[in-house]
Amino acid sequence: SVEEGVVGYDGNPVLRNLSLRIDMDDRIALLGANGNGKSTLAKLLSGRLEPLAGQVRKPGKLRVGYFAQHQMEELHPEETPFQHMARVLPLAQEAKVRAHLGRFGFSQAHADVRVENLSGGEKSRLLFALMSRDSPHVMILDEPTNHLDIDSREALMAALNAYAGAVVLITHDPHLIEMVADRLWLVGDGACAAYDGDLADYRRMLLERARDTRRGARAEEGSDKASRKDARRAGADTRARQAPLRRKVRDAEKQLETLAAKRANILARIADPALYRQPAEALTALQIELAEVDRAAAAAETEWMEANLALEEASED
């Protein structure tokens, strides 16, 4: 738990008045724009940052695993995954060290490849292996899927859902949040608090905030009163401007519905045991198709939001 916590850097607070509690069965995702303090909070919870004020209370034997992309810089490029793992497990026999690495995709030979020759996804998997070496009670993950391929991402989701401890998750991957998290915390305006809605509610909130910002900017500019004739002409112009924008909104909504149905169909096919009796290329093709659908859905959602904002602006001009 955090009581009246304040956290920041060099004496400068980033987050204040933190009163939070994490229990052993919690699955929490942190929401908020980049720069709002999500990673700072993760460092506080993991013990990488001390509070500037307030208290962080935790059991003396609590083990916390922490993953962040910047930890790749802490890896030794000239060493192998086996050497990294053997260093943090100095009393373990070689077979145990290699067995743990094997759970994260490092075979006997691959565990002896220098880190500088590993891909970004392989380095991420090494960080996961190092983080989980002592079976932590809490795992704090900051953008864990950035360098993972589809197989590794799905494996991570399955592992997190099977994991018995608490999870605190920072990610821009909405699918990961929906599959793993059952609680949302909103980080912003120098604070962090529980968010009662779901991801759809959060998107609507962001849209409304963007609308309010545009309304305020236009209100500051001011406008002259038009005559009735001018007003009718302006109304006709507005409707003409709105028509293509309304079509864009409807088209984006239909695209999102189509992609959601397509995604559900692909996932159902991936879950079908019969797929795994076919050549491996069949599964690979579905995974590639799923990644393309996810990218298209993200683009369609952005287009939908931009069209809504443009329609709102056209309605108020």
C-alpha atoms as a PDB file:
ATOM      1  CA  SER A   1       0.000   0.000   0.000  1.00  0.00           C
ATOM      2  CA  VAL A   2       0.995   3.624  -0.540  1.00  0.00           C
ATOM      3  CA  GLU A   3      -0.179   6.173   2.010  1.00  0.00           C
ATOM      4  CA  GLU A   4      -0.156   9.913   1.182  1.00  0.00           C
ATOM      5  CA  GLY A   5       2.707   9.193  -1.179  1.00  0.00           C
ATOM      6  CA  VAL A   6       4.632  11.729  -3.225  1.00  0.00           C
ATOM      7  CA  VAL A   7       7.065  10.561  -5.907  1.00  0.00           C
ATOM      8  CA  GLY A   8       9.296  12.322  -8.411  1.00  0.00           C
ATOM      9  CA  TYR A   9      12.892  13.051  -9.322  1.00  0.00           C
ATOM     10  CA  ASP A  10      15.532  15.246  -7.690  1.00  0.00           C
ATOM     11  CA  GLY A  11      13.027  16.534  -5.172  1.00  0.00           C
ATOM     12  CA  ASN A  12      10.507  17.548  -7.861  1.00  0.00           C
ATOM     13  CA  PRO A  13       7.142  15.764  -7.461  1.00  0.00           C
ATOM     14  CA  VAL A  14       5.521  14.061 -10.423  1.00  0.00           C
ATOM     15  CA  LEU A  15       2.640  12.447  -8.511  1.00  0.00           C
ATOM     16  CA  ARG A  16       1.136  13.555  -5.185  1.00  0.00           C
ATOM     17  CA  ASN A  17      -1.412  12.351  -2.630  1.00  0.00           C
ATOM     18  CA  LEU A  18      -1.045   8.707  -3.621  1.00  0.00           C
ATOM     19  CA  SER A  19      -3.240   6.421  -1.521  1.00  0.00           C
ATOM     20  CA  LEU A  20      -3.208   3.039  -3.236  1.00  0.00           C
ATOM     21  CA  ARG A  21      -3.440  -0.628  -2.321  1.00  0.00           C
ATOM     22  CA  ILE A  22      -2.472  -3.745  -4.270  1.00  0.00           C
ATOM     23  CA  ASP A  23      -3.711  -7.175  -3.193  1.00  0.00           C
ATOM     24  CA  MET A  24      -2.372 -10.553  -4.257  1.00  0.00           C
ATOM     25  CA  ASP A  25      -5.118 -11.243  -6.795  1.00  0.00           C
ATOM     26  CA  ASP A  26      -5.168  -7.773  -8.409  1.00  0.00           C
ATOM     27  CA  ARG A  27      -4.725  -7.304 -12.173  1.00  0.00           C
ATOM     28  CA  ILE A  28      -4.314  -3.559 -12.667  1.00  0.00           C
ATOM     29  CA  ALA A  29      -3.679  -1.581 -15.865  1.00  0.00           C
ATOM     30  CA  LEU A  30      -2.489   2.028 -15.681  1.00  0.00           C
ATOM     31  CA  LEU A  31      -4.170   4.437 -18.093  1.00  0.00           C
ATOM     32  CA  GLY A  32      -3.022   7.933 -19.017  1.00  0.00           C
ATOM     33  CA  ALA A  33      -1.123   9.878 -21.631  1.00  0.00           C
ATOM     34  CA  ASN A  34       2.637   9.531 -22.025  1.00  0.00           C
ATOM     35  CA  GLY A  35       4.436  11.792 -19.588  1.00  0.00           C
ATOM     36  CA  ASN A  36       1.677  11.689 -16.966  1.00  0.00           C
ATOM     37  CA  GLY A  37       3.722   9.578 -14.562  1.00  0.00           C
ATOM     38  CA  LYS A  38       2.760   5.944 -15.217  1.00  0.00           C
ATOM     39  CA  SER A  39       6.373   4.745 -15.388  1.00  0.00           C
ATOM     40  CA  THR A  40       7.257   6.868 -12.347  1.00  0.00           C
ATOM     41  CA  LEU A  41       4.505   5.127 -10.372  1.00  0.00           C
ATOM     42  CA  ALA A  42       5.745   1.738 -11.591  1.00  0.00           C
ATOM     43  CA  LYS A  43       9.235   2.543 -10.319  1.00  0.00           C
ATOM     44  CA  LEU A  44       7.818   3.550  -6.941  1.00  0.00           C
ATOM     45  CA  LEU A  45       5.818   0.320  -6.632  1.00  0.00           C
ATOM     46  CA  SER A  46       8.826  -1.775  -7.683  1.00  0.00           C
ATOM     47  CA  GLY A  47      11.169  -0.085  -5.209  1.00  0.00           C
ATOM     48  CA  ARG A  48      13.299   1.576  -7.895  1.00  0.00           C
ATOM     49  CA  LEU A  49      12.214   5.001  -6.612  1.00  0.00           C
ATOM     50  CA  GLU A  50      11.829   6.023  -2.979  1.00  0.00           C
ATOM     51  CA  PRO A  51       8.884   8.274  -2.075  1.00  0.00           C
ATOM     52  CA  LEU A  52       9.615  11.953  -1.535  1.00  0.00           C
ATOM     53  CA  ALA A  53       6.928  11.916   1.156  1.00  0.00           C
ATOM     54  CA  GLY A  54       4.434   9.457   2.604  1.00  0.00           C
ATOM     55  CA  GLN A  55       4.961   5.747   3.066  1.00  0.00           C
ATOM     56  CA  VAL A  56       5.090   2.579   1.002  1.00  0.00           C
ATOM     57  CA  ARG A  57       4.161  -0.425   3.130  1.00  0.00           C
ATOM     58  CA  LYS A  58       4.849  -4.009   2.070  1.00  0.00           C
ATOM     59  CA  PRO A  59       5.629  -7.346   3.740  1.00  0.00           C
ATOM     60  CA  GLY A  60       9.293  -7.916   4.415  1.00  0.00           C
ATOM     61  CA  LYS A  61       9.408 -11.078   2.296  1.00  0.00           C
ATOM     62  CA  LEU A  62       7.467  -9.631  -0.641  1.00  0.00           C
ATOM     63  CA  ARG A  63       9.179 -10.314  -3.984  1.00  0.00           C
ATOM     64  CA  VAL A  64       8.457  -7.846  -6.794  1.00  0.00           C
ATOM     65  CA  GLY A  65       9.359  -8.464 -10.435  1.00  0.00           C
ATOM     66  CA  TYR A  66       9.866  -5.387 -12.623  1.00  0.00           C
ATOM     67  CA  PHE A  67      10.103  -5.214 -16.416  1.00  0.00           C
ATOM     68  CA  ALA A  68      10.748  -2.114 -18.520  1.00  0.00           C
ATOM     69  CA  GLN A  69      12.155  -1.693 -22.024  1.00  0.00           C
ATOM     70  CA  HIS A  70      14.981   0.555 -20.810  1.00  0.00           C
ATOM     71  CA  GLN A  71      16.371  -2.430 -18.886  1.00  0.00           C
ATOM     72  CA  MET A  72      17.783  -3.676 -22.186  1.00  0.00           C
ATOM     73  CA  GLU A  73      20.476  -1.053 -21.675  1.00  0.00           C
ATOM     74  CA  GLU A  74      21.404  -2.824 -18.413  1.00  0.00           C
ATOM     75  CA  LEU A  75      22.151  -6.101 -20.205  1.00  0.00           C
ATOM     76  CA  HIS A  76      25.817  -6.876 -20.880  1.00  0.00           C
ATOM     77  CA  PRO A  77      26.168  -7.163 -24.682  1.00  0.00           C
ATOM     78  CA  GLU A  78      29.279  -9.334 -24.538  1.00  0.00           C
ATOM     79  CA  GLU A  79      27.675 -11.906 -22.221  1.00  0.00           C
ATOM     80  CA  THR A  80      25.212 -14.706 -22.956  1.00  0.00           C
ATOM     81  CA  PRO A  81      21.726 -15.319 -21.496  1.00  0.00           C
ATOM     82  CA  PHE A  82      23.213 -18.201 -19.509  1.00  0.00           C
ATOM     83  CA  GLN A  83      25.860 -15.932 -17.966  1.00  0.00           C
ATOM     84  CA  HIS A  84      23.204 -13.347 -17.037  1.00  0.00           C
ATOM     85  CA  MET A  85      21.021 -15.969 -15.389  1.00  0.00           C
ATOM     86  CA  ALA A  86      23.878 -17.748 -13.646  1.00  0.00           C
ATOM     87  CA  ARG A  87      24.925 -14.431 -12.057  1.00  0.00           C
ATOM     88  CA  VAL A  88      21.499 -13.864 -10.442  1.00  0.00           C
ATOM     89  CA  LEU A  89      21.172 -17.557  -9.479  1.00  0.00           C
ATOM     90  CA  PRO A  90      24.675 -18.151  -8.064  1.00  0.00           C
ATOM     91  CA  LEU A  91      23.681 -21.215  -6.019  1.00  0.00           C
ATOM     92  CA  ALA A  92      21.714 -22.957  -8.772  1.00  0.00           C
ATOM     93  CA  GLN A  93      23.130 -25.868 -10.726  1.00  0.00           C
ATOM     94  CA  GLU A  94      23.732 -25.345 -14.445  1.00  0.00           C
ATOM     95  CA  ALA A  95      20.839 -27.663 -15.379  1.00  0.00           C
ATOM     96  CA  LYS A  96      18.398 -25.568 -13.335  1.00  0.00           C
ATOM     97  CA  VAL A  97      19.653 -22.327 -14.884  1.00  0.00           C
ATOM     98  CA  ARG A  98      19.274 -23.718 -18.397  1.00  0.00           C
ATOM     99  CA  ALA A  99      15.852 -25.172 -17.609  1.00  0.00           C
ATOM    100  CA  HIS A 100      14.607 -21.755 -16.504  1.00  0.00           C
ATOM    101  CA  LEU A 101      15.963 -20.137 -19.664  1.00  0.00           C
ATOM    102  CA  GLY A 102      14.343 -22.892 -21.733  1.00  0.00           C
ATOM    103  CA  ARG A 103      10.906 -21.835 -20.468  1.00  0.00           C
ATOM    104  CA  PHE A 104      11.487 -18.511 -22.231  1.00  0.00           C
ATOM    105  CA  GLY A 105      12.560 -19.952 -25.558  1.00  0.00           C
ATOM    106  CA  PHE A 106      16.323 -20.195 -24.972  1.00  0.00           C
ATOM    107  CA  SER A 107      17.453 -23.634 -26.040  1.00  0.00           C
ATOM    108  CA  GLN A 108      20.771 -25.129 -25.004  1.00  0.00           C
ATOM    109  CA  ALA A 109      22.636 -23.492 -27.906  1.00  0.00           C
ATOM    110  CA  HIS A 110      20.641 -20.255 -27.953  1.00  0.00           C
ATOM    111  CA  ALA A 111      21.372 -19.639 -24.269  1.00  0.00           C
ATOM    112  CA  ASP A 112      25.049 -19.331 -25.216  1.00  0.00           C
ATOM    113  CA  VAL A 113      24.596 -16.614 -27.870  1.00  0.00           C
ATOM    114  CA  ARG A 114      25.980 -13.193 -26.944  1.00  0.00           C
ATOM    115  CA  VAL A 115      23.310 -10.651 -26.044  1.00  0.00           C
ATOM    116  CA  GLU A 116      24.543  -8.239 -28.706  1.00  0.00           C
ATOM    117  CA  ASN A 117      23.456 -10.793 -31.308  1.00  0.00           C
ATOM    118  CA  LEU A 118      19.914 -11.229 -29.921  1.00  0.00           C
ATOM    119  CA  SER A 119      16.844  -9.585 -31.447  1.00  0.00           C
ATOM    120  CA  GLY A 120      14.739  -7.076 -29.532  1.00  0.00           C
ATOM    121  CA  GLY A 121      12.150  -9.760 -28.810  1.00  0.00           C
ATOM    122  CA  GLU A 122      14.804 -12.164 -27.532  1.00  0.00           C
ATOM    123  CA  LYS A 123      16.220  -9.497 -25.230  1.00  0.00           C
ATOM    124  CA  SER A 124      12.700  -8.901 -23.895  1.00  0.00           C
ATOM    125  CA  ARG A 125      12.318 -12.614 -23.222  1.00  0.00           C
ATOM    126  CA  LEU A 126      15.648 -12.616 -21.389  1.00  0.00           C
ATOM    127  CA  LEU A 127      14.412  -9.743 -19.219  1.00  0.00           C
ATOM    128  CA  PHE A 128      11.228 -11.727 -18.463  1.00  0.00           C
ATOM    129  CA  ALA A 129      13.377 -14.717 -17.493  1.00  0.00           C
ATOM    130  CA  LEU A 130      15.528 -12.583 -15.174  1.00  0.00           C
ATOM    131  CA  MET A 131      12.474 -10.910 -13.630  1.00  0.00           C
ATOM    132  CA  SER A 132      10.730 -14.193 -12.838  1.00  0.00           C
ATOM    133  CA  ARG A 133      13.733 -16.112 -11.559  1.00  0.00           C
ATOM    134  CA  ASP A 134      12.584 -16.073  -7.894  1.00  0.00           C
ATOM    135  CA  SER A 135       8.827 -16.439  -8.502  1.00  0.00           C
ATOM    136  CA  PRO A 136       7.775 -12.872  -7.568  1.00  0.00           C
ATOM    137  CA  HIS A 137       4.501 -12.203  -5.761  1.00  0.00           C
ATOM    138  CA  VAL A 138       3.883  -9.053  -7.835  1.00  0.00           C
ATOM    139  CA  MET A 139       4.895  -8.359 -11.435  1.00  0.00           C
ATOM    140  CA  ILE A 140       5.087  -4.782 -12.711  1.00  0.00           C
ATOM    141  CA  LEU A 141       5.313  -4.630 -16.505  1.00  0.00           C
ATOM    142  CA  ASP A 142       6.028  -1.393 -18.396  1.00  0.00           C
ATOM    143  CA  GLU A 143       5.280  -1.833 -22.138  1.00  0.00           C
ATOM    144  CA  PRO A 144       6.098  -5.562 -22.157  1.00  0.00           C
ATOM    145  CA  THR A 145       4.973  -6.305 -25.737  1.00  0.00           C
ATOM    146  CA  ASN A 146       6.894  -3.636 -27.684  1.00  0.00           C
ATOM    147  CA  HIS A 147       9.427  -6.051 -29.194  1.00  0.00           C
ATOM    148  CA  LEU A 148       7.455  -9.298 -29.036  1.00  0.00           C
ATOM    149  CA  ASP A 149       6.195 -11.213 -32.047  1.00  0.00           C
ATOM    150  CA  ILE A 150       2.655 -12.588 -32.090  1.00  0.00           C
ATOM    151  CA  ASP A 151       3.605 -15.970 -30.619  1.00  0.00           C
ATOM    152  CA  SER A 152       5.503 -14.369 -27.733  1.00  0.00           C
ATOM    153  CA  ARG A 153       2.714 -11.869 -27.075  1.00  0.00           C
ATOM    154  CA  GLU A 154       0.075 -14.594 -26.905  1.00  0.00           C
ATOM    155  CA  ALA A 155       2.367 -16.669 -24.688  1.00  0.00           C
ATOM    156  CA  LEU A 156       2.818 -13.688 -22.365  1.00  0.00           C
ATOM    157  CA  MET A 157      -0.960 -13.214 -22.077  1.00  0.00           C
ATOM    158  CA  ALA A 158      -1.435 -16.893 -21.290  1.00  0.00           C
ATOM    159  CA  ALA A 159       1.349 -16.804 -18.691  1.00  0.00           C
ATOM    160  CA  LEU A 160      -0.080 -13.709 -16.988  1.00  0.00           C
ATOM    161  CA  ASN A 161      -3.539 -15.249 -16.840  1.00  0.00           C
ATOM    162  CA  ALA A 162      -2.089 -18.410 -15.290  1.00  0.00           C
ATOM    163  CA  TYR A 163       0.090 -16.451 -12.862  1.00  0.00           C
ATOM    164  CA  ALA A 164      -1.119 -16.577  -9.243  1.00  0.00           C
ATOM    165  CA  GLY A 165       0.241 -13.197  -8.084  1.00  0.00           C
ATOM    166  CA  ALA A 166      -0.642  -9.553  -8.685  1.00  0.00           C
ATOM    167  CA  VAL A 167       0.020  -7.743 -11.978  1.00  0.00           C
ATOM    168  CA  VAL A 168       0.454  -4.021 -12.626  1.00  0.00           C
ATOM    169  CA  LEU A 169       0.506  -3.325 -16.357  1.00  0.00           C
ATOM    170  CA  ILE A 170       1.462  -0.319 -18.495  1.00  0.00           C
ATOM    171  CA  THR A 171       0.755  -0.871 -22.180  1.00  0.00           C
ATOM    172  CA  HIS A 172      -0.680   0.742 -25.310  1.00  0.00           C
ATOM    173  CA  ASP A 173      -1.996  -2.679 -26.376  1.00  0.00           C
ATOM    174  CA  PRO A 174      -5.769  -2.607 -25.657  1.00  0.00           C
ATOM    175  CA  HIS A 175      -6.072  -6.348 -26.338  1.00  0.00           C
ATOM    176  CA  LEU A 176      -3.533  -7.103 -23.605  1.00  0.00           C
ATOM    177  CA  ILE A 177      -5.429  -4.883 -21.149  1.00  0.00           C
ATOM    178  CA  GLU A 178      -8.766  -6.516 -21.991  1.00  0.00           C
ATOM    179  CA  MET A 179      -7.324 -10.017 -21.671  1.00  0.00           C
ATOM    180  CA  VAL A 180      -5.348  -9.491 -18.450  1.00  0.00           C
ATOM    181  CA  ALA A 181      -6.580  -6.544 -16.357  1.00  0.00           C
ATOM    182  CA  ASP A 182      -9.714  -6.419 -14.233  1.00  0.00           C
ATOM    183  CA  ARG A 183      -8.992  -3.049 -12.592  1.00  0.00           C
ATOM    184  CA  LEU A 184      -7.990   0.268 -14.160  1.00  0.00           C
ATOM    185  CA  TRP A 185      -6.088   3.140 -12.535  1.00  0.00           C
ATOM    186  CA  LEU A 186      -6.014   6.541 -14.239  1.00  0.00           C
ATOM    187  CA  VAL A 187      -2.778   8.507 -13.945  1.00  0.00           C
ATOM    188  CA  GLY A 188      -3.001  12.199 -14.761  1.00  0.00           C
ATOM    189  CA  ASP A 189      -2.965  15.732 -13.375  1.00  0.00           C
ATOM    190  CA  GLY A 190      -0.299  14.734 -10.869  1.00  0.00           C
ATOM    191  CA  ALA A 191      -2.407  11.995  -9.267  1.00  0.00           C
ATOM    192  CA  CYS A 192      -3.519   8.385  -9.611  1.00  0.00           C
ATOM    193  CA  ALA A 193      -6.994   7.070  -8.801  1.00  0.00           C
ATOM    194  CA  ALA A 194      -9.169   4.070  -9.570  1.00  0.00           C
ATOM    195  CA  TYR A 195     -11.096   4.388 -12.859  1.00  0.00           C
ATOM    196  CA  ASP A 196     -14.587   2.913 -12.712  1.00  0.00           C
ATOM    197  CA  GLY A 197     -15.230   2.636 -16.455  1.00  0.00           C
ATOM    198  CA  ASP A 198     -13.815   0.307 -19.083  1.00  0.00           C
ATOM    199  CA  LEU A 199     -11.576   1.005 -22.087  1.00  0.00           C
ATOM    200  CA  ALA A 200     -14.535   2.140 -24.206  1.00  0.00           C
ATOM    201  CA  ASP A 201     -15.479   4.654 -21.497  1.00  0.00           C
ATOM    202  CA  TYR A 202     -11.882   5.854 -21.377  1.00  0.00           C
ATOM    203  CA  ARG A 203     -11.811   6.432 -25.140  1.00  0.00           C
ATOM    204  CA  ARG A 204     -15.061   8.400 -24.941  1.00  0.00           C
ATOM    205  CA  MET A 205     -13.600  10.492 -22.122  1.00  0.00           C
ATOM    206  CA  LEU A 206     -10.538  11.324 -24.235  1.00  0.00           C
ATOM    207  CA  LEU A 207     -12.776  12.263 -27.135  1.00  0.00           C
ATOM    208  CA  GLU A 208     -14.886  14.564 -24.966  1.00  0.00           C
ATOM    209  CA  ARG A 209     -11.788  16.225 -23.524  1.00  0.00           C
ATOM    210  CA  ALA A 210     -10.472  16.858 -27.038  1.00  0.00           C
ATOM    211  CA  ARG A 211     -13.824  18.390 -27.961  1.00  0.00           C
ATOM    212  CA  ASP A 212     -13.798  20.638 -24.888  1.00  0.00           C
ATOM    213  CA  THR A 213     -10.305  21.824 -25.737  1.00  0.00           C
ATOM    214  CA  ARG A 214     -11.357  22.789 -29.257  1.00  0.00           C
ATOM    215  CA  ARG A 215     -14.490  24.504 -28.006  1.00  0.00           C
ATOM    216  CA  GLY A 216     -12.446  26.564 -25.559  1.00  0.00           C
ATOM    217  CA  ALA A 217      -9.956  27.571 -28.236  1.00  0.00           C
ATOM    218  CA  ARG A 218     -12.722  28.732 -30.538  1.00  0.00           C
ATOM    219  CA  ALA A 219     -14.540  30.570 -27.722  1.00  0.00           C
ATOM    220  CA  GLU A 220     -11.411  32.599 -27.015  1.00  0.00           C
ATOM    221  CA  GLU A 221     -11.235  33.710 -30.619  1.00  0.00           C
ATOM    222  CA  GLY A 222     -14.794  35.092 -30.486  1.00  0.00           C
ATOM    223  CA  SER A 223     -17.127  35.589 -33.412  1.00  0.00           C
ATOM    224  CA  ASP A 224     -19.337  38.295 -34.881  1.00  0.00           C
ATOM    225  CA  LYS A 225     -23.114  37.905 -34.942  1.00  0.00           C
ATOM    226  CA  ALA A 226     -24.442  37.199 -38.407  1.00  0.00           C
ATOM    227  CA  SER A 227     -27.723  38.334 -39.884  1.00  0.00           C
ATOM    228  CA  ARG A 228     -30.546  35.838 -40.309  1.00  0.00           C
ATOM    229  CA  LYS A 229     -29.779  35.543 -43.998  1.00  0.00           C
ATOM    230  CA  ASP A 230     -26.124  34.969 -43.279  1.00  0.00           C
ATOM    231  CA  ALA A 231     -27.059  32.475 -40.575  1.00  0.00           C
ATOM    232  CA  ARG A 232     -29.197  30.449 -43.027  1.00  0.00           C
ATOM    233  CA  ARG A 233     -26.367  30.486 -45.536  1.00  0.00           C
ATOM    234  CA  ALA A 234     -23.918  29.475 -42.832  1.00  0.00           C
ATOM    235  CA  GLY A 235     -26.251  26.648 -41.796  1.00  0.00           C
ATOM    236  CA  ALA A 236     -26.365  25.333 -45.349  1.00  0.00           C
ATOM    237  CA  ASP A 237     -22.585  25.551 -45.587  1.00  0.00           C
ATOM    238  CA  THR A 238     -22.249  23.715 -42.282  1.00  0.00           C
ATOM    239  CA  ARG A 239     -24.540  20.901 -43.412  1.00  0.00           C
ATOM    240  CA  ALA A 240     -22.573  20.611 -46.635  1.00  0.00           C
ATOM    241  CA  ARG A 241     -19.319  20.356 -44.675  1.00  0.00           C
ATOM    242  CA  GLN A 242     -20.836  17.853 -42.253  1.00  0.00           C
ATOM    243  CA  ALA A 243     -22.113  15.415 -44.875  1.00  0.00           C
ATOM    244  CA  PRO A 244     -18.726  13.910 -45.865  1.00  0.00           C
ATOM    245  CA  LEU A 245     -17.614  13.970 -42.233  1.00  0.00           C
ATOM    246  CA  ARG A 246     -20.700  12.038 -41.140  1.00  0.00           C
ATOM    247  CA  ARG A 247     -19.943   9.509 -43.868  1.00  0.00           C
ATOM    248  CA  LYS A 248     -16.373   9.192 -42.581  1.00  0.00           C
ATOM    249  CA  VAL A 249     -17.650   8.548 -39.046  1.00  0.00           C
ATOM    250  CA  ARG A 250     -20.107   5.893 -40.296  1.00  0.00           C
ATOM    251  CA  ASP A 251     -17.479   4.301 -42.514  1.00  0.00           C
ATOM    252  CA  ALA A 252     -14.978   4.143 -39.649  1.00  0.00           C
ATOM    253  CA  GLU A 253     -17.596   2.612 -37.354  1.00  0.00           C
ATOM    254  CA  LYS A 254     -18.457  -0.027 -39.960  1.00  0.00           C
ATOM    255  CA  GLN A 255     -14.760  -0.721 -40.471  1.00  0.00           C
ATOM    256  CA  LEU A 256     -14.263  -1.221 -36.733  1.00  0.00           C
ATOM    257  CA  GLU A 257     -17.231  -3.600 -36.583  1.00  0.00           C
ATOM    258  CA  THR A 258     -15.919  -5.551 -39.588  1.00  0.00           C
ATOM    259  CA  LEU A 259     -12.423  -5.798 -38.127  1.00  0.00           C
ATOM    260  CA  ALA A 260     -13.765  -6.872 -34.726  1.00  0.00           C
ATOM    261  CA  ALA A 261     -15.724  -9.692 -36.372  1.00  0.00           C
ATOM    262  CA  LYS A 262     -12.695 -10.661 -38.454  1.00  0.00           C
ATOM    263  CA  ARG A 263     -10.482 -10.687 -35.370  1.00  0.00           C
ATOM    264  CA  ALA A 264     -12.941 -12.909 -33.490  1.00  0.00           C
ATOM    265  CA  ASN A 265     -13.014 -15.310 -36.438  1.00  0.00           C
ATOM    266  CA  ILE A 266      -9.197 -15.502 -36.602  1.00  0.00           C
ATOM    267  CA  LEU A 267      -8.928 -16.132 -32.843  1.00  0.00           C
ATOM    268  CA  ALA A 268     -11.538 -18.890 -33.098  1.00  0.00           C
ATOM    269  CA  ARG A 269      -9.538 -20.531 -35.889  1.00  0.00           C
ATOM    270  CA  ILE A 270      -6.312 -20.232 -33.872  1.00  0.00           C
ATOM    271  CA  ALA A 271      -8.050 -21.887 -30.910  1.00  0.00           C
ATOM    272  CA  ASP A 272      -9.251 -24.811 -33.058  1.00  0.00           C
ATOM    273  CA  PRO A 273      -7.165 -27.919 -32.233  1.00  0.00           C
ATOM    274  CA  ALA A 274      -7.479 -29.065 -35.852  1.00  0.00           C
ATOM    275  CA  LEU A 275      -5.237 -26.179 -36.904  1.00  0.00           C
ATOM    276  CA  TYR A 276      -2.275 -27.728 -35.115  1.00  0.00           C
ATOM    277  CA  ARG A 277      -2.549 -30.898 -37.187  1.00  0.00           C
ATOM    278  CA  GLN A 278      -1.872 -28.841 -40.305  1.00  0.00           C
ATOM    279  CA  PRO A 279       1.533 -27.601 -41.522  1.00  0.00           C
ATOM    280  CA  ALA A 280       3.054 -24.854 -39.354  1.00  0.00           C
ATOM    281  CA  GLU A 281       2.600 -22.371 -42.195  1.00  0.00           C
ATOM    282  CA  ALA A 282      -1.172 -22.359 -41.565  1.00  0.00           C
ATOM    283  CA  LEU A 283      -0.724 -21.043 -38.023  1.00  0.00           C
ATOM    284  CA  THR A 284       1.897 -18.533 -39.165  1.00  0.00           C
ATOM    285  CA  ALA A 285      -0.450 -17.181 -41.830  1.00  0.00           C
ATOM    286  CA  LEU A 286      -3.228 -16.683 -39.262  1.00  0.00           C
ATOM    287  CA  GLN A 287      -0.842 -14.915 -36.880  1.00  0.00           C
ATOM    288  CA  ILE A 288       0.275 -12.565 -39.648  1.00  0.00           C
ATOM    289  CA  GLU A 289      -3.365 -11.930 -40.553  1.00  0.00           C
ATOM    290  CA  LEU A 290      -4.181 -11.182 -36.905  1.00  0.00           C
ATOM    291  CA  ALA A 291      -1.357  -8.650 -36.675  1.00  0.00           C
ATOM    292  CA  GLU A 292      -2.613  -6.929 -39.833  1.00  0.00           C
ATOM    293  CA  VAL A 293      -6.152  -6.770 -38.426  1.00  0.00           C
ATOM    294  CA  ASP A 294      -4.861  -5.246 -35.180  1.00  0.00           C
ATOM    295  CA  ARG A 295      -2.931  -2.593 -37.091  1.00  0.00           C
ATOM    296  CA  ALA A 296      -5.965  -1.805 -39.255  1.00  0.00           C
ATOM    297  CA  ALA A 297      -8.207  -1.546 -36.189  1.00  0.00           C
ATOM    298  CA  ALA A 298      -5.833   0.918 -34.525  1.00  0.00           C
ATOM    299  CA  ALA A 299      -5.807   3.045 -37.694  1.00  0.00           C
ATOM    300  CA  ALA A 300      -9.621   2.874 -37.990  1.00  0.00           C
ATOM    301  CA  GLU A 301     -10.050   3.925 -34.375  1.00  0.00           C
ATOM    302  CA  THR A 302      -7.775   6.928 -34.924  1.00  0.00           C
ATOM    303  CA  GLU A 303      -9.717   7.837 -38.073  1.00  0.00           C
ATOM    304  CA  TRP A 304     -13.019   7.521 -36.173  1.00  0.00           C
ATOM    305  CA  MET A 305     -11.837   9.851 -33.416  1.00  0.00           C
ATOM    306  CA  GLU A 306     -10.444  12.426 -35.866  1.00  0.00           C
ATOM    307  CA  ALA A 307     -13.677  12.352 -37.910  1.00  0.00           C
ATOM    308  CA  ASN A 308     -15.756  12.852 -34.764  1.00  0.00           C
ATOM    309  CA  LEU A 309     -13.659  15.822 -33.736  1.00  0.00           C
ATOM    310  CA  ALA A 310     -13.881  17.348 -37.218  1.00  0.00           C
ATOM    311  CA  LEU A 311     -17.664  16.814 -37.230  1.00  0.00           C
ATOM    312  CA  GLU A 312     -17.967  18.455 -33.831  1.00  0.00           C
ATOM    313  CA  GLU A 313     -15.942  21.417 -35.082  1.00  0.00           C
ATOM    314  CA  ALA A 314     -18.053  21.733 -38.233  1.00  0.00           C
ATOM    315  CA  SER A 315     -21.242  21.640 -36.138  1.00  0.00           C
ATOM    316  CA  GLU A 316     -20.140  24.584 -34.013  1.00  0.00           C
ATOM    317  CA  ASP A 317     -18.541  26.831 -36.658  1.00  0.00           C
END
